PDB file of N, CA and C in Angstrom:
ATOM      1  N   MET A   1      13.799  -0.997  -3.205  1.00  0.00           N
ATOM      2  CA  MET A   1      12.899  -1.327  -2.115  1.00  0.00           C
ATOM      3  C   MET A   1      11.826  -2.304  -2.589  1.00  0.00           C
ATOM      4  N   ALA A   2      11.368  -3.106  -1.700  1.00  0.00           N
ATOM      5  CA  ALA A   2      10.304  -4.059  -1.997  1.00  0.00           C
ATOM      6  C   ALA A   2       8.946  -3.366  -1.965  1.00  0.00           C
ATOM      7  N   LEU A   3       7.980  -3.994  -2.599  1.00  0.00           N
ATOM      8  CA  LEU A   3       6.617  -3.473  -2.598  1.00  0.00           C
ATOM      9  C   LEU A   3       6.149  -3.197  -1.179  1.00  0.00           C
ATOM     10  N   SER A   4       6.404  -4.126  -0.267  1.00  0.00           N
ATOM     11  CA  SER A   4       5.962  -3.959   1.120  1.00  0.00           C
ATOM     12  C   SER A   4       6.546  -2.692   1.743  1.00  0.00           C
ATOM     13  N   ASP A   5       7.818  -2.436   1.483  1.00  0.00           N
ATOM     14  CA  ASP A   5       8.470  -1.229   2.016  1.00  0.00           C
ATOM     15  C   ASP A   5       7.874   0.038   1.401  1.00  0.00           C
ATOM     16  N   ASN A   6       7.584  -0.026   0.099  1.00  0.00           N
ATOM     17  CA  ASN A   6       7.024   1.141  -0.591  1.00  0.00           C
ATOM     18  C   ASN A   6       5.619   1.467  -0.093  1.00  0.00           C
ATOM     19  N   ILE A   7       4.829   0.443   0.186  1.00  0.00           N
ATOM     20  CA  ILE A   7       3.483   0.673   0.728  1.00  0.00           C
ATOM     21  C   ILE A   7       3.597   1.367   2.076  1.00  0.00           C
ATOM     22  N   ARG A   8       4.429   0.822   2.955  1.00  0.00           N
ATOM     23  CA  ARG A   8       4.587   1.383   4.295  1.00  0.00           C
ATOM     24  C   ARG A   8       5.111   2.823   4.247  1.00  0.00           C
ATOM     25  N   LYS A   9       6.148   3.033   3.430  1.00  0.00           N
ATOM     26  CA  LYS A   9       6.753   4.367   3.331  1.00  0.00           C
ATOM     27  C   LYS A   9       5.727   5.401   2.861  1.00  0.00           C
ATOM     28  N   ARG A  10       4.985   5.053   1.819  1.00  0.00           N
ATOM     29  CA  ARG A  10       4.015   6.003   1.263  1.00  0.00           C
ATOM     30  C   ARG A  10       2.877   6.266   2.244  1.00  0.00           C
ATOM     31  N   ARG A  11       2.412   5.224   2.941  1.00  0.00           N
ATOM     32  CA  ARG A  11       1.342   5.389   3.934  1.00  0.00           C
ATOM     33  C   ARG A  11       1.787   6.356   5.025  1.00  0.00           C
ATOM     34  N   ILE A  12       3.003   6.177   5.502  1.00  0.00           N
ATOM     35  CA  ILE A  12       3.524   7.046   6.550  1.00  0.00           C
ATOM     36  C   ILE A  12       3.700   8.476   6.039  1.00  0.00           C
ATOM     37  N   GLU A  13       4.194   8.633   4.817  1.00  0.00           N
ATOM     38  CA  GLU A  13       4.337   9.975   4.221  1.00  0.00           C
ATOM     39  C   GLU A  13       3.011  10.723   4.201  1.00  0.00           C
ATOM     40  N   LEU A  14       1.936   9.990   3.973  1.00  0.00           N
ATOM     41  CA  LEU A  14       0.606  10.607   3.904  1.00  0.00           C
ATOM     42  C   LEU A  14      -0.040  10.751   5.279  1.00  0.00           C
ATOM     43  N   GLY A  15       0.605  10.234   6.311  1.00  0.00           N
ATOM     44  CA  GLY A  15       0.068  10.351   7.660  1.00  0.00           C
ATOM     45  C   GLY A  15      -1.135   9.462   7.923  1.00  0.00           C
ATOM     46  N   LEU A  16      -1.208   8.344   7.209  1.00  0.00           N
ATOM     47  CA  LEU A  16      -2.332   7.428   7.381  1.00  0.00           C
ATOM     48  C   LEU A  16      -1.957   6.286   8.314  1.00  0.00           C
ATOM     49  N   SER A  17      -2.899   5.877   9.135  1.00  0.00           N
ATOM     50  CA  SER A  17      -2.711   4.668   9.937  1.00  0.00           C
ATOM     51  C   SER A  17      -3.030   3.471   9.046  1.00  0.00           C
ATOM     52  N   GLN A  18      -2.637   2.282   9.481  1.00  0.00           N
ATOM     53  CA  GLN A  18      -2.992   1.086   8.735  1.00  0.00           C
ATOM     54  C   GLN A  18      -4.506   0.955   8.637  1.00  0.00           C
ATOM     55  N   LYS A  19      -5.204   1.284   9.694  1.00  0.00           N
ATOM     56  CA  LYS A  19      -6.669   1.207   9.717  1.00  0.00           C
ATOM     57  C   LYS A  19      -7.286   2.161   8.693  1.00  0.00           C
ATOM     58  N   GLN A  20      -6.770   3.386   8.645  1.00  0.00           N
ATOM     59  CA  GLN A  20      -7.295   4.371   7.689  1.00  0.00           C
ATOM     60  C   GLN A  20      -7.091   3.902   6.246  1.00  0.00           C
ATOM     61  N   LEU A  21      -5.904   3.381   5.962  1.00  0.00           N
ATOM     62  CA  LEU A  21      -5.638   2.878   4.616  1.00  0.00           C
ATOM     63  C   LEU A  21      -6.531   1.681   4.309  1.00  0.00           C
ATOM     64  N   ALA A  22      -6.672   0.791   5.270  1.00  0.00           N
ATOM     65  CA  ALA A  22      -7.526  -0.386   5.091  1.00  0.00           C
ATOM     66  C   ALA A  22      -8.960   0.023   4.758  1.00  0.00           C
ATOM     67  N   ASP A  23      -9.475   1.010   5.472  1.00  0.00           N
ATOM     68  CA  ASP A  23     -10.837   1.484   5.216  1.00  0.00           C
ATOM     69  C   ASP A  23     -10.985   2.048   3.799  1.00  0.00           C
ATOM     70  N   LYS A  24      -9.938   2.717   3.311  1.00  0.00           N
ATOM     71  CA  LYS A  24      -9.987   3.313   1.975  1.00  0.00           C
ATOM     72  C   LYS A  24     -10.039   2.262   0.870  1.00  0.00           C
ATOM     73  N   ILE A  25      -9.430   1.096   1.114  1.00  0.00           N
ATOM     74  CA  ILE A  25      -9.359   0.095   0.048  1.00  0.00           C
ATOM     75  C   ILE A  25     -10.243  -1.125   0.315  1.00  0.00           C
ATOM     76  N   GLY A  26     -10.964  -1.111   1.417  1.00  0.00           N
ATOM     77  CA  GLY A  26     -11.933  -2.164   1.682  1.00  0.00           C
ATOM     78  C   GLY A  26     -11.350  -3.478   2.171  1.00  0.00           C
ATOM     79  N   VAL A  27     -10.274  -3.388   2.953  1.00  0.00           N
ATOM     80  CA  VAL A  27      -9.694  -4.580   3.571  1.00  0.00           C
ATOM     81  C   VAL A  27      -9.554  -4.332   5.066  1.00  0.00           C
ATOM     82  N   THR A  28      -9.086  -5.330   5.790  1.00  0.00           N
ATOM     83  CA  THR A  28      -8.865  -5.144   7.225  1.00  0.00           C
ATOM     84  C   THR A  28      -7.499  -4.512   7.467  1.00  0.00           C
ATOM     85  N   ASP A  29      -7.334  -3.937   8.656  1.00  0.00           N
ATOM     86  CA  ASP A  29      -6.020  -3.396   8.991  1.00  0.00           C
ATOM     87  C   ASP A  29      -4.987  -4.519   9.087  1.00  0.00           C
ATOM     88  N   MET A  30      -5.426  -5.739   9.408  1.00  0.00           N
ATOM     89  CA  MET A  30      -4.521  -6.885   9.432  1.00  0.00           C
ATOM     90  C   MET A  30      -3.991  -7.175   8.033  1.00  0.00           C
ATOM     91  N   ALA A  31      -4.829  -6.999   7.020  1.00  0.00           N
ATOM     92  CA  ALA A  31      -4.384  -7.205   5.641  1.00  0.00           C
ATOM     93  C   ALA A  31      -3.301  -6.196   5.274  1.00  0.00           C
ATOM     94  N   VAL A  32      -3.502  -4.936   5.644  1.00  0.00           N
ATOM     95  CA  VAL A  32      -2.487  -3.911   5.366  1.00  0.00           C
ATOM     96  C   VAL A  32      -1.201  -4.249   6.105  1.00  0.00           C
ATOM     97  N   SER A  33      -1.325  -4.694   7.336  1.00  0.00           N
ATOM     98  CA  SER A  33      -0.154  -5.103   8.107  1.00  0.00           C
ATOM     99  C   SER A  33       0.603  -6.222   7.388  1.00  0.00           C
ATOM    100  N   LYS A  34      -0.126  -7.181   6.842  1.00  0.00           N
ATOM    101  CA  LYS A  34       0.505  -8.289   6.113  1.00  0.00           C
ATOM    102  C   LYS A  34       1.154  -7.797   4.816  1.00  0.00           C
ATOM    103  N   PHE A  35       0.520  -6.835   4.122  1.00  0.00           N
ATOM    104  CA  PHE A  35       1.135  -6.265   2.919  1.00  0.00           C
ATOM    105  C   PHE A  35       2.470  -5.628   3.276  1.00  0.00           C
ATOM    106  N   GLU A  36       2.490  -4.886   4.377  1.00  0.00           N
ATOM    107  CA  GLU A  36       3.695  -4.162   4.776  1.00  0.00           C
ATOM    108  C   GLU A  36       4.780  -5.083   5.334  1.00  0.00           C
ATOM    109  N   ALA A  37       4.392  -6.239   5.832  1.00  0.00           N
ATOM    110  CA  ALA A  37       5.355  -7.209   6.366  1.00  0.00           C
ATOM    111  C   ALA A  37       5.785  -8.220   5.299  1.00  0.00           C
ATOM    112  N   ASN A  38       5.287  -8.046   4.083  1.00  0.00           N
ATOM    113  CA  ASN A  38       5.592  -8.937   2.974  1.00  0.00           C
ATOM    114  C   ASN A  38       5.124 -10.371   3.243  1.00  0.00           C
ATOM    115  N   LEU A  39       4.014 -10.489   3.965  1.00  0.00           N
ATOM    116  CA  LEU A  39       3.419 -11.792   4.249  1.00  0.00           C
ATOM    117  C   LEU A  39       2.257 -12.099   3.319  1.00  0.00           C
ATOM    118  N   ALA A  40       1.792 -11.076   2.618  1.00  0.00           N
ATOM    119  CA  ALA A  40       0.699 -11.221   1.648  1.00  0.00           C
ATOM    120  C   ALA A  40       0.829 -10.091   0.633  1.00  0.00           C
ATOM    121  N   SER A  41       0.243 -10.317  -0.528  1.00  0.00           N
ATOM    122  CA  SER A  41       0.217  -9.292  -1.574  1.00  0.00           C
ATOM    123  C   SER A  41      -1.230  -8.945  -1.878  1.00  0.00           C
ATOM    124  N   PRO A  42      -1.474  -7.671  -2.192  1.00  0.00           N
ATOM    125  CA  PRO A  42      -2.842  -7.292  -2.528  1.00  0.00           C
ATOM    126  C   PRO A  42      -3.281  -7.952  -3.833  1.00  0.00           C
ATOM    127  N   LYS A  43      -4.549  -8.324  -3.890  1.00  0.00           N
ATOM    128  CA  LYS A  43      -5.119  -8.849  -5.130  1.00  0.00           C
ATOM    129  C   LYS A  43      -5.079  -7.737  -6.172  1.00  0.00           C
ATOM    130  N   PRO A  44      -5.062  -8.090  -7.456  1.00  0.00           N
ATOM    131  CA  PRO A  44      -4.942  -7.063  -8.504  1.00  0.00           C
ATOM    132  C   PRO A  44      -5.951  -5.920  -8.383  1.00  0.00           C
ATOM    133  N   GLU A  45      -7.214  -6.243  -8.105  1.00  0.00           N
ATOM    134  CA  GLU A  45      -8.209  -5.169  -8.004  1.00  0.00           C
ATOM    135  C   GLU A  45      -7.953  -4.277  -6.793  1.00  0.00           C
ATOM    136  N   ARG A  46      -7.419  -4.829  -5.729  1.00  0.00           N
ATOM    137  CA  ARG A  46      -7.076  -4.036  -4.544  1.00  0.00           C
ATOM    138  C   ARG A  46      -5.788  -3.243  -4.774  1.00  0.00           C
ATOM    139  N   PHE A  47      -4.912  -3.783  -5.596  1.00  0.00           N
ATOM    140  CA  PHE A  47      -3.642  -3.109  -5.855  1.00  0.00           C
ATOM    141  C   PHE A  47      -3.872  -1.751  -6.506  1.00  0.00           C
ATOM    142  N   VAL A  48      -4.800  -1.701  -7.456  1.00  0.00           N
ATOM    143  CA  VAL A  48      -5.132  -0.431  -8.115  1.00  0.00           C
ATOM    144  C   VAL A  48      -5.732   0.530  -7.095  1.00  0.00           C
ATOM    145  N   MET A  49      -6.632   0.040  -6.262  1.00  0.00           N
ATOM    146  CA  MET A  49      -7.237   0.884  -5.220  1.00  0.00           C
ATOM    147  C   MET A  49      -6.175   1.367  -4.237  1.00  0.00           C
ATOM    148  N   LEU A  50      -5.221   0.503  -3.930  1.00  0.00           N
ATOM    149  CA  LEU A  50      -4.136   0.852  -3.011  1.00  0.00           C
ATOM    150  C   LEU A  50      -3.293   1.994  -3.575  1.00  0.00           C
ATOM    151  N   ALA A  51      -2.934   1.887  -4.835  1.00  0.00           N
ATOM    152  CA  ALA A  51      -2.154   2.949  -5.470  1.00  0.00           C
ATOM    153  C   ALA A  51      -2.910   4.273  -5.439  1.00  0.00           C
ATOM    154  N   LYS A  52      -4.198   4.224  -5.749  1.00  0.00           N
ATOM    155  CA  LYS A  52      -5.006   5.462  -5.727  1.00  0.00           C
ATOM    156  C   LYS A  52      -5.100   6.028  -4.313  1.00  0.00           C
ATOM    157  N   ALA A  53      -5.314   5.166  -3.330  1.00  0.00           N
ATOM    158  CA  ALA A  53      -5.423   5.623  -1.940  1.00  0.00           C
ATOM    159  C   ALA A  53      -4.114   6.234  -1.452  1.00  0.00           C
ATOM    160  N   LEU A  54      -3.000   5.755  -1.999  1.00  0.00           N
ATOM    161  CA  LEU A  54      -1.689   6.270  -1.607  1.00  0.00           C
ATOM    162  C   LEU A  54      -1.221   7.384  -2.542  1.00  0.00           C
ATOM    163  N   ASP A  55      -2.113   7.825  -3.426  1.00  0.00           N
ATOM    164  CA  ASP A  55      -1.842   8.933  -4.353  1.00  0.00           C
ATOM    165  C   ASP A  55      -0.539   8.700  -5.131  1.00  0.00           C
ATOM    166  N   THR A  56      -0.454   7.514  -5.707  1.00  0.00           N
ATOM    167  CA  THR A  56       0.718   7.150  -6.503  1.00  0.00           C
ATOM    168  C   THR A  56       0.269   6.212  -7.607  1.00  0.00           C
ATOM    169  N   THR A  57       1.205   5.670  -8.346  1.00  0.00           N
ATOM    170  CA  THR A  57       0.885   4.724  -9.403  1.00  0.00           C
ATOM    171  C   THR A  57       1.285   3.314  -8.974  1.00  0.00           C
ATOM    172  N   CYS A  58       0.718   2.335  -9.648  1.00  0.00           N
ATOM    173  CA  CYS A  58       1.093   0.942  -9.384  1.00  0.00           C
ATOM    174  C   CYS A  58       2.579   0.751  -9.660  1.00  0.00           C
ATOM    175  N   GLU A  59       3.053   1.343 -10.734  1.00  0.00           N
ATOM    176  CA  GLU A  59       4.460   1.228 -11.106  1.00  0.00           C
ATOM    177  C   GLU A  59       5.380   1.768 -10.012  1.00  0.00           C
ATOM    178  N   GLU A  60       5.044   2.927  -9.460  1.00  0.00           N
ATOM    179  CA  GLU A  60       5.880   3.498  -8.411  1.00  0.00           C
ATOM    180  C   GLU A  60       5.828   2.670  -7.134  1.00  0.00           C
ATOM    181  N   LEU A  61       4.695   2.047  -6.856  1.00  0.00           N
ATOM    182  CA  LEU A  61       4.622   1.162  -5.687  1.00  0.00           C
ATOM    183  C   LEU A  61       5.539  -0.037  -5.854  1.00  0.00           C
ATOM    184  N   VAL A  62       5.586  -0.577  -7.061  1.00  0.00           N
ATOM    185  CA  VAL A  62       6.399  -1.753  -7.317  1.00  0.00           C
ATOM    186  C   VAL A  62       7.889  -1.399  -7.390  1.00  0.00           C
ATOM    187  N   GLU A  63       8.190  -0.335  -8.109  1.00  0.00           N
ATOM    188  CA  GLU A  63       9.596  -0.002  -8.383  1.00  0.00           C
ATOM    189  C   GLU A  63      10.207   0.973  -7.383  1.00  0.00           C
ATOM    190  N   GLY A  64       9.402   1.645  -6.633  1.00  0.00           N
ATOM    191  CA  GLY A  64       9.933   2.657  -5.719  1.00  0.00           C
ATOM    192  C   GLY A  64       9.738   4.038  -6.294  1.00  0.00           C
ATOM    193  N   GLU A  65      10.512   4.968  -5.819  1.00  0.00           N
ATOM    194  CA  GLU A  65      10.382   6.359  -6.251  1.00  0.00           C
ATOM    195  C   GLU A  65      10.565   6.481  -7.750  1.00  0.00           C
ATOM    196  N   SER A  66       9.890   7.467  -8.323  1.00  0.00           N
ATOM    197  CA  SER A  66      10.018   7.684  -9.768  1.00  0.00           C
ATOM    198  C   SER A  66      11.453   8.054 -10.105  1.00  0.00           C
ATOM    199  N   LYS A  67      11.858   7.660 -11.272  1.00  0.00           N
ATOM    200  CA  LYS A  67      13.258   7.849 -11.673  1.00  0.00           C
ATOM    201  C   LYS A  67      13.503   9.184 -12.314  1.00  0.00           C
TER     202      LYS A  67
END
């Protein structure tokens, strides 16, 4: 799975809206929408915050489920 798919899947698993996730990492809900549509990638400092907000690791976001 692509990073965009992993972000969306994990957000939904946690029951978060795009707006709720955006608020947790300090971006707009449009930015989260773009991350999930593979139209933009989070900046490195936001990527770490994104992983924490999704209660996962950066590696698992990039690679998918843990092996």
